[in-house]
C-alpha atoms as a PDB file:
ATOM      1  CA  MET A   1      -3.702 -86.668  67.084  1.00  0.00           C
ATOM      2  CA  ALA A   2      -3.424 -85.046  70.403  1.00  0.00           C
ATOM      3  CA  LEU A   3      -7.109 -84.207  71.865  1.00  0.00           C
ATOM      4  CA  MET A   4      -8.394 -80.443  70.999  1.00  0.00           C
ATOM      5  CA  LEU A   5     -11.383 -78.493  72.024  1.00  0.00           C
ATOM      6  CA  SER A   6     -13.898 -78.384  69.421  1.00  0.00           C
ATOM      7  CA  LYS A   7     -15.712 -75.221  70.724  1.00  0.00           C
ATOM      8  CA  THR A   8     -12.222 -73.178  71.169  1.00  0.00           C
ATOM      9  CA  TYR A   9     -11.385 -74.255  67.970  1.00  0.00           C
ATOM     10  CA  ASP A  10     -14.121 -73.174  66.294  1.00  0.00           C
ATOM     11  CA  ALA A  11     -14.369 -70.004  67.862  1.00  0.00           C
ATOM     12  CA  LEU A  12     -10.518 -69.505  67.117  1.00  0.00           C
ATOM     13  CA  VAL A  13     -10.938 -69.902  63.507  1.00  0.00           C
ATOM     14  CA  ALA A  14     -14.415 -67.600  63.552  1.00  0.00           C
ATOM     15  CA  ALA A  15     -11.949 -64.560  65.190  1.00  0.00           C
ATOM     16  CA  GLY A  16      -9.635 -64.979  62.002  1.00  0.00           C
ATOM     17  CA  ALA A  17      -6.851 -67.231  63.114  1.00  0.00           C
ATOM     18  CA  PRO A  18      -5.383 -69.200  60.695  1.00  0.00           C
ATOM     19  CA  GLU A  19      -6.596 -73.069  60.969  1.00  0.00           C
ATOM     20  CA  ASP A  20      -3.027 -74.292  61.602  1.00  0.00           C
ATOM     21  CA  LYS A  21      -2.546 -71.669  64.833  1.00  0.00           C
ATOM     22  CA  ALA A  22      -6.102 -72.483  66.241  1.00  0.00           C
ATOM     23  CA  ARG A  23      -5.898 -76.091  65.924  1.00  0.00           C
ATOM     24  CA  ALA A  24      -2.280 -75.680  67.733  1.00  0.00           C
ATOM     25  CA  ALA A  25      -4.115 -73.182  70.471  1.00  0.00           C
ATOM     26  CA  ALA A  26      -7.131 -75.550  71.030  1.00  0.00           C
ATOM     27  CA  GLU A  27      -5.116 -78.621  71.359  1.00  0.00           C
ATOM     28  CA  GLU A  28      -2.769 -76.568  73.965  1.00  0.00           C
ATOM     29  CA  VAL A  29      -6.092 -75.658  75.743  1.00  0.00           C
ATOM     30  CA  ALA A  30      -6.955 -79.218  76.017  1.00  0.00           C
ATOM     31  CA  GLY A  31      -3.591 -79.929  77.155  1.00  0.00           C
ATOM     32  CA  MET A  32      -4.033 -77.896  79.984  1.00  0.00           C
ATOM     33  CA  ASN A  33      -7.024 -78.757  80.892  1.00  0.00           C
ATOM     34  CA  ALA A  34      -6.403 -82.441  81.109  1.00  0.00           C
ATOM     35  CA  ARG A  35      -3.335 -81.305  83.765  1.00  0.00           C
ATOM     36  CA  LEU A  36      -5.524 -79.273  85.490  1.00  0.00           C
ATOM     37  CA  ILE A  37      -8.035 -81.906  86.039  1.00  0.00           C
ATOM     38  CA  ARG A  38      -5.330 -84.228  87.351  1.00  0.00           C
ATOM     39  CA  LEU A  39      -4.159 -82.064  89.723  1.00  0.00           C
ATOM     40  CA  GLU A  40      -7.987 -81.372  90.948  1.00  0.00           C
ATOM     41  CA  ILE A  41      -8.220 -85.141  91.302  1.00  0.00           C
ATOM     42  CA  THR A  42      -4.451 -85.223  93.186  1.00  0.00           C
ATOM     43  CA  THR A  43      -5.276 -82.700  95.652  1.00  0.00           C
ATOM     44  CA  SER A  44      -8.674 -84.402  96.624  1.00  0.00           C
ATOM     45  CA  ILE A  45      -7.118 -87.747  97.315  1.00  0.00           C
ATOM     46  CA  GLY A  46      -4.165 -85.750  99.692  1.00  0.00           C
ATOM     47  CA  ALA A  47      -7.137 -83.931 101.681  1.00  0.00           C
ATOM     48  CA  VAL A  48      -9.371 -87.200 102.290  1.00  0.00           C
ATOM     49  CA  GLY A  49      -5.816 -88.452 102.964  1.00  0.00           C
ATOM     50  CA  VAL A  50      -5.438 -85.919 105.801  1.00  0.00           C
ATOM     51  CA  LEU A  51      -9.483 -86.032 107.176  1.00  0.00           C
ATOM     52  CA  ILE A  52      -8.708 -89.524 107.513  1.00  0.00           C
ATOM     53  CA  LEU A  53      -5.254 -89.232 109.571  1.00  0.00           C
ATOM     54  CA  LEU A  54      -7.074 -86.484 111.661  1.00  0.00           C
ATOM     55  CA  LEU A  55      -9.709 -88.335 112.385  1.00  0.00           C
ATOM     56  CA  LYS A  56      -7.716 -91.395 113.486  1.00  0.00           C
ATOM     57  CA  ALA A  57      -5.867 -88.900 115.986  1.00  0.00           C
ATOM     58  CA  PHE A  58      -8.781 -88.090 117.548  1.00  0.00           C
ATOM     59  CA  ILE A  59     -11.009 -91.278 118.027  1.00  0.00           C
END
């Protein structure tokens, strides 16, 4: 079973979405969230690498 955001699922069902579509949408949002977190981590690592290179160049 895929990762799902339960609060998103509950909100969609409460708004009247069918359970199968609410589940699919909540899983898709969870997947997008995971991709954004990976992008954030990769960007942070890249920024630290650039900072280290700049410090080495000037020290």
